[in-house]
N, C-alpha and C. Protein backbone atom coordinates (compact mmCIF):
# COMPACT_ATOMS: atom_id res chain seq x y z
N ASP A 1 45.99 50.86 -5.03
CA ASP A 1 44.58 50.51 -4.93
C ASP A 1 44.44 49.16 -4.24
N ALA A 2 43.34 49.04 -3.50
CA ALA A 2 43.06 47.79 -2.79
C ALA A 2 42.45 46.78 -3.74
N GLY A 3 42.57 45.50 -3.39
CA GLY A 3 41.94 44.47 -4.20
C GLY A 3 42.97 43.68 -4.99
N SER A 4 42.49 42.56 -5.52
CA SER A 4 43.36 41.65 -6.26
C SER A 4 43.14 41.81 -7.76
N PHE A 5 44.04 41.22 -8.54
CA PHE A 5 43.86 41.26 -9.99
C PHE A 5 42.61 40.48 -10.40
N GLN A 6 42.24 39.46 -9.60
CA GLN A 6 41.03 38.71 -9.89
C GLN A 6 39.80 39.60 -9.75
N GLU A 7 39.74 40.36 -8.66
CA GLU A 7 38.60 41.26 -8.41
C GLU A 7 38.53 42.37 -9.46
N ALA A 8 39.67 42.79 -9.96
CA ALA A 8 39.72 43.87 -10.95
C ALA A 8 39.39 43.40 -12.36
N GLY A 9 39.32 42.07 -12.58
CA GLY A 9 39.01 41.55 -13.90
C GLY A 9 40.11 41.79 -14.91
N VAL A 10 41.36 41.74 -14.46
CA VAL A 10 42.51 42.04 -15.33
C VAL A 10 42.54 41.13 -16.57
N ILE A 11 42.28 39.85 -16.39
CA ILE A 11 42.37 38.92 -17.52
C ILE A 11 41.34 39.27 -18.58
N GLN A 12 40.09 39.53 -18.17
CA GLN A 12 39.05 39.88 -19.14
C GLN A 12 39.37 41.20 -19.84
N HIS A 13 39.88 42.20 -19.09
CA HIS A 13 40.25 43.48 -19.71
C HIS A 13 41.38 43.29 -20.72
N ALA A 14 42.34 42.40 -20.41
CA ALA A 14 43.44 42.14 -21.34
C ALA A 14 42.93 41.50 -22.62
N TYR A 15 42.00 40.54 -22.49
CA TYR A 15 41.42 39.93 -23.69
C TYR A 15 40.64 40.97 -24.49
N ASN A 16 39.89 41.83 -23.82
CA ASN A 16 39.13 42.87 -24.52
C ASN A 16 40.06 43.81 -25.29
N LEU A 17 41.23 44.12 -24.73
CA LEU A 17 42.19 44.99 -25.39
C LEU A 17 42.87 44.30 -26.57
N ASN A 18 43.29 43.06 -26.37
CA ASN A 18 44.04 42.34 -27.40
C ASN A 18 43.18 41.71 -28.47
N PHE A 19 41.91 41.43 -28.16
CA PHE A 19 41.00 40.80 -29.11
C PHE A 19 39.67 41.55 -29.10
N PRO A 20 39.65 42.79 -29.61
CA PRO A 20 38.42 43.58 -29.56
C PRO A 20 37.33 42.97 -30.44
N LEU A 21 36.08 43.22 -30.04
CA LEU A 21 34.96 42.77 -30.85
C LEU A 21 34.87 43.64 -32.10
N HIS A 22 34.47 43.05 -33.19
CA HIS A 22 34.30 43.77 -34.44
C HIS A 22 32.84 43.71 -34.84
N ALA A 23 32.26 44.85 -35.12
CA ALA A 23 30.87 44.90 -35.57
C ALA A 23 30.81 44.56 -37.05
N VAL A 24 29.83 43.76 -37.42
CA VAL A 24 29.61 43.41 -38.81
C VAL A 24 28.16 43.69 -39.16
N PRO A 25 27.88 44.08 -40.39
CA PRO A 25 26.49 44.35 -40.77
C PRO A 25 25.66 43.08 -40.68
N ALA A 26 24.43 43.24 -40.25
CA ALA A 26 23.51 42.10 -40.16
C ALA A 26 22.19 42.52 -40.77
N SER A 27 21.32 41.54 -40.96
CA SER A 27 20.00 41.86 -41.51
C SER A 27 19.23 42.68 -40.48
N SER A 28 18.13 43.25 -40.89
CA SER A 28 17.36 44.08 -39.99
C SER A 28 16.57 43.25 -38.98
N ALA A 29 16.59 41.92 -39.14
CA ALA A 29 15.88 41.06 -38.20
C ALA A 29 16.54 41.14 -36.82
N GLN A 30 15.72 41.09 -35.80
CA GLN A 30 16.24 41.11 -34.43
C GLN A 30 16.94 39.79 -34.14
N CYS A 31 18.15 39.86 -33.57
CA CYS A 31 18.80 38.65 -33.13
C CYS A 31 19.22 38.83 -31.68
N SER A 32 19.02 37.77 -30.91
CA SER A 32 19.47 37.81 -29.52
C SER A 32 20.94 37.41 -29.48
N SER A 33 21.62 37.78 -28.39
CA SER A 33 23.02 37.40 -28.27
C SER A 33 23.10 35.89 -28.05
N TRP A 34 24.19 35.30 -28.52
CA TRP A 34 24.35 33.86 -28.47
C TRP A 34 25.81 33.52 -28.32
N SER A 35 26.09 32.51 -27.53
CA SER A 35 27.44 32.01 -27.40
C SER A 35 27.39 30.49 -27.38
N ALA A 36 28.31 29.86 -28.07
CA ALA A 36 28.33 28.40 -28.12
C ALA A 36 28.81 27.80 -26.81
N PHE A 37 29.57 28.55 -26.00
CA PHE A 37 30.16 28.01 -24.77
C PHE A 37 30.00 28.98 -23.61
N SER A 38 29.93 28.44 -22.41
CA SER A 38 30.04 29.24 -21.19
C SER A 38 30.78 28.41 -20.15
N VAL A 39 31.48 29.10 -19.26
CA VAL A 39 32.26 28.46 -18.20
C VAL A 39 31.79 29.05 -16.88
N SER A 40 31.56 28.20 -15.88
CA SER A 40 30.95 28.64 -14.63
C SER A 40 31.88 29.44 -13.72
N SER A 41 33.18 29.38 -13.92
CA SER A 41 34.13 30.04 -13.02
C SER A 41 34.92 31.12 -13.76
N PRO A 42 35.03 32.32 -13.17
CA PRO A 42 35.85 33.36 -13.80
C PRO A 42 37.34 33.03 -13.78
N ALA A 43 37.74 32.04 -12.97
CA ALA A 43 39.15 31.64 -12.91
C ALA A 43 39.56 30.81 -14.12
N VAL A 44 38.58 30.29 -14.86
CA VAL A 44 38.87 29.42 -16.00
C VAL A 44 38.58 30.18 -17.29
N VAL A 45 39.56 30.21 -18.18
CA VAL A 45 39.45 30.92 -19.45
C VAL A 45 39.37 29.90 -20.58
N LEU A 46 38.36 30.05 -21.43
CA LEU A 46 38.28 29.24 -22.64
C LEU A 46 39.10 29.97 -23.69
N GLU A 47 40.26 29.42 -24.00
CA GLU A 47 41.23 30.10 -24.87
C GLU A 47 40.92 29.91 -26.34
N THR A 48 40.64 28.69 -26.77
CA THR A 48 40.40 28.45 -28.19
C THR A 48 39.31 27.40 -28.36
N ALA A 49 38.68 27.45 -29.51
CA ALA A 49 37.76 26.39 -29.94
C ALA A 49 38.04 26.19 -31.42
N GLU A 50 38.46 25.00 -31.80
CA GLU A 50 38.86 24.72 -33.18
C GLU A 50 37.94 23.68 -33.79
N ASP A 51 37.44 23.99 -34.99
CA ASP A 51 36.58 23.05 -35.71
C ASP A 51 37.39 21.92 -36.30
N ARG A 52 36.80 20.74 -36.26
CA ARG A 52 37.30 19.55 -36.93
C ARG A 52 36.11 18.93 -37.62
N PRO A 53 36.32 18.01 -38.53
CA PRO A 53 35.17 17.31 -39.10
C PRO A 53 34.39 16.60 -37.99
N GLU A 54 33.14 16.96 -37.82
CA GLU A 54 32.23 16.34 -36.85
C GLU A 54 32.68 16.48 -35.40
N ALA A 55 33.54 17.45 -35.10
CA ALA A 55 34.01 17.64 -33.73
C ALA A 55 34.54 19.05 -33.53
N VAL A 56 34.74 19.41 -32.26
CA VAL A 56 35.34 20.69 -31.88
C VAL A 56 36.33 20.39 -30.76
N VAL A 57 37.50 21.01 -30.82
CA VAL A 57 38.47 20.91 -29.73
C VAL A 57 38.47 22.25 -29.00
N VAL A 58 38.27 22.19 -27.67
CA VAL A 58 38.33 23.42 -26.87
C VAL A 58 39.51 23.31 -25.92
N ARG A 59 40.17 24.44 -25.70
CA ARG A 59 41.31 24.49 -24.77
C ARG A 59 40.98 25.53 -23.71
N LEU A 60 41.09 25.12 -22.45
CA LEU A 60 40.80 25.99 -21.32
C LEU A 60 42.00 25.99 -20.38
N TYR A 61 42.13 27.07 -19.59
CA TYR A 61 43.18 27.08 -18.57
C TYR A 61 42.71 27.81 -17.32
N GLU A 62 43.31 27.45 -16.19
CA GLU A 62 43.03 28.09 -14.91
C GLU A 62 43.98 29.27 -14.80
N ALA A 63 43.45 30.48 -14.60
CA ALA A 63 44.25 31.70 -14.70
C ALA A 63 44.54 32.39 -13.36
N TYR A 64 43.91 31.96 -12.28
CA TYR A 64 44.05 32.67 -11.00
C TYR A 64 45.06 32.02 -10.06
N GLY A 65 45.61 30.87 -10.42
CA GLY A 65 46.52 30.17 -9.51
C GLY A 65 45.76 29.45 -8.41
N SER A 66 44.57 28.96 -8.73
CA SER A 66 43.71 28.33 -7.73
C SER A 66 43.36 26.91 -8.15
N THR A 67 42.81 26.17 -7.21
CA THR A 67 42.24 24.85 -7.49
C THR A 67 40.74 25.06 -7.56
N VAL A 68 40.13 24.66 -8.68
CA VAL A 68 38.72 24.98 -8.89
C VAL A 68 38.04 23.90 -9.72
N ILE A 69 36.76 23.72 -9.44
CA ILE A 69 35.89 22.90 -10.29
C ILE A 69 35.08 23.87 -11.14
N ALA A 70 35.05 23.66 -12.44
CA ALA A 70 34.28 24.53 -13.33
C ALA A 70 33.42 23.67 -14.24
N TRP A 71 32.29 24.20 -14.62
CA TRP A 71 31.39 23.53 -15.55
C TRP A 71 31.49 24.20 -16.91
N LEU A 72 31.77 23.41 -17.93
CA LEU A 72 31.75 23.90 -19.32
C LEU A 72 30.40 23.53 -19.90
N GLN A 73 29.66 24.53 -20.35
CA GLN A 73 28.37 24.29 -20.99
C GLN A 73 28.47 24.71 -22.45
N THR A 74 27.73 24.01 -23.30
CA THR A 74 27.71 24.34 -24.71
C THR A 74 26.32 24.12 -25.28
N SER A 75 26.00 24.91 -26.28
CA SER A 75 24.73 24.73 -26.99
C SER A 75 24.91 23.81 -28.19
N LEU A 76 26.13 23.35 -28.42
CA LEU A 76 26.40 22.43 -29.53
C LEU A 76 25.86 21.03 -29.20
N PRO A 77 25.48 20.26 -30.21
CA PRO A 77 24.94 18.91 -29.96
C PRO A 77 26.05 17.89 -29.71
N VAL A 78 26.57 17.87 -28.49
CA VAL A 78 27.70 17.00 -28.14
C VAL A 78 27.18 15.61 -27.80
N LYS A 79 27.78 14.60 -28.43
CA LYS A 79 27.42 13.22 -28.09
C LYS A 79 28.50 12.53 -27.27
N GLU A 80 29.73 13.07 -27.30
CA GLU A 80 30.84 12.47 -26.56
C GLU A 80 31.89 13.53 -26.28
N ALA A 81 32.51 13.47 -25.10
CA ALA A 81 33.57 14.42 -24.74
C ALA A 81 34.73 13.64 -24.12
N MET A 82 35.95 13.99 -24.52
CA MET A 82 37.11 13.31 -23.96
C MET A 82 38.28 14.27 -23.82
N LEU A 83 39.09 14.02 -22.78
CA LEU A 83 40.31 14.81 -22.59
C LEU A 83 41.32 14.47 -23.66
N CYS A 84 42.09 15.47 -24.08
CA CYS A 84 43.14 15.28 -25.10
C CYS A 84 44.46 15.78 -24.55
N ASP A 85 45.54 15.35 -25.17
CA ASP A 85 46.84 15.92 -24.86
C ASP A 85 46.99 17.22 -25.67
N LEU A 86 48.14 17.87 -25.55
CA LEU A 86 48.33 19.15 -26.24
C LEU A 86 48.42 19.00 -27.76
N LEU A 87 48.59 17.77 -28.24
CA LEU A 87 48.56 17.51 -29.68
C LEU A 87 47.16 17.10 -30.13
N GLU A 88 46.19 17.22 -29.21
CA GLU A 88 44.77 16.97 -29.47
C GLU A 88 44.47 15.50 -29.77
N ARG A 89 45.25 14.61 -29.15
CA ARG A 89 44.99 13.17 -29.22
C ARG A 89 44.30 12.76 -27.93
N PRO A 90 43.23 11.96 -27.99
CA PRO A 90 42.55 11.52 -26.76
C PRO A 90 43.53 10.85 -25.80
N THR A 91 43.38 11.13 -24.52
CA THR A 91 44.25 10.55 -23.49
C THR A 91 43.66 9.26 -22.96
N ALA A 92 44.44 8.55 -22.17
CA ALA A 92 44.01 7.27 -21.59
C ALA A 92 42.91 7.46 -20.55
N GLN A 93 42.70 8.69 -20.08
CA GLN A 93 41.68 8.93 -19.06
C GLN A 93 40.27 8.71 -19.59
N GLY A 94 40.12 8.66 -20.90
CA GLY A 94 38.85 8.31 -21.49
C GLY A 94 37.84 9.43 -21.54
N CYS A 95 36.59 9.03 -21.67
CA CYS A 95 35.49 9.97 -21.88
C CYS A 95 35.12 10.71 -20.60
N LEU A 96 34.67 11.94 -20.77
CA LEU A 96 34.12 12.73 -19.68
C LEU A 96 32.61 12.55 -19.68
N PRO A 97 31.99 12.38 -18.51
CA PRO A 97 30.53 12.23 -18.50
C PRO A 97 29.84 13.54 -18.88
N LEU A 98 28.81 13.43 -19.72
CA LEU A 98 27.98 14.58 -20.08
C LEU A 98 26.86 14.67 -19.05
N GLU A 99 26.85 15.74 -18.30
CA GLU A 99 25.85 15.92 -17.26
C GLU A 99 24.92 17.07 -17.65
N GLN A 100 23.82 17.20 -16.90
CA GLN A 100 22.86 18.26 -17.21
C GLN A 100 23.51 19.64 -17.12
N GLN A 101 24.42 19.82 -16.15
CA GLN A 101 25.12 21.10 -15.99
C GLN A 101 26.22 21.30 -17.02
N GLY A 102 26.53 20.28 -17.80
CA GLY A 102 27.61 20.35 -18.78
C GLY A 102 28.71 19.36 -18.45
N LEU A 103 29.94 19.77 -18.69
CA LEU A 103 31.11 18.95 -18.37
C LEU A 103 31.75 19.48 -17.09
N ARG A 104 31.96 18.59 -16.13
CA ARG A 104 32.60 18.97 -14.86
C ARG A 104 34.11 18.84 -15.06
N LEU A 105 34.82 19.96 -14.91
CA LEU A 105 36.26 19.98 -15.14
C LEU A 105 36.98 20.39 -13.86
N SER A 106 38.04 19.69 -13.55
CA SER A 106 38.82 19.95 -12.34
C SER A 106 40.16 20.58 -12.73
N PHE A 107 40.45 21.73 -12.13
CA PHE A 107 41.67 22.47 -12.44
C PHE A 107 42.53 22.64 -11.19
N THR A 108 43.83 22.45 -11.35
CA THR A 108 44.82 22.85 -10.37
C THR A 108 45.41 24.17 -10.88
N PRO A 109 46.22 24.87 -10.08
CA PRO A 109 46.72 26.17 -10.53
C PRO A 109 47.38 26.13 -11.91
N PHE A 110 46.88 26.98 -12.79
CA PHE A 110 47.41 27.21 -14.14
C PHE A 110 47.35 25.99 -15.06
N ARG A 111 46.54 25.01 -14.71
CA ARG A 111 46.41 23.80 -15.54
C ARG A 111 45.71 24.12 -16.86
N VAL A 112 46.19 23.50 -17.94
CA VAL A 112 45.59 23.61 -19.26
C VAL A 112 44.88 22.29 -19.57
N LEU A 113 43.64 22.38 -20.05
CA LEU A 113 42.90 21.20 -20.48
C LEU A 113 42.48 21.36 -21.93
N SER A 114 42.66 20.31 -22.71
CA SER A 114 42.14 20.26 -24.08
C SER A 114 41.06 19.18 -24.10
N ILE A 115 39.92 19.52 -24.69
CA ILE A 115 38.79 18.60 -24.69
C ILE A 115 38.26 18.46 -26.11
N LEU A 116 38.12 17.21 -26.56
CA LEU A 116 37.54 16.91 -27.87
C LEU A 116 36.05 16.67 -27.68
N LEU A 117 35.24 17.46 -28.35
CA LEU A 117 33.78 17.32 -28.30
C LEU A 117 33.33 16.73 -29.63
N VAL A 118 32.86 15.50 -29.60
CA VAL A 118 32.34 14.84 -30.79
C VAL A 118 30.88 15.24 -30.91
N LEU A 119 30.49 15.73 -32.09
CA LEU A 119 29.14 16.27 -32.29
C LEU A 119 28.21 15.25 -32.93
N SER A 120 26.93 15.33 -32.57
CA SER A 120 25.90 14.50 -33.20
C SER A 120 25.68 14.99 -34.62
N GLN A 121 25.28 14.10 -35.47
CA GLN A 121 25.01 14.48 -36.88
C GLN A 121 23.68 15.16 -37.01
């Protein structure tokens, strides 16, 4: 077949297979769909989001082998964002600016980023 694995959505299909959605009973009230995070590029995968007291750590990676700028958006009340190392300690690079579009993240091929999001009270 013609086309690339990126065009075929292989990564998303693999996540759907390995981590299927589970339906749970809800009240009869109508609810719209909601997600705490979105990423502007299909090349960037948000792998995990872990709760901490008054913060959330998110880990993202570039999956296509490309260099890309991606915007991470969240509906959470973030007051500060900073890059972390793989042990989730803030790095010397300091805080990331919070922009209207979200957080601007720069990825090289297969780069992993961990970001600490400090939440407003």
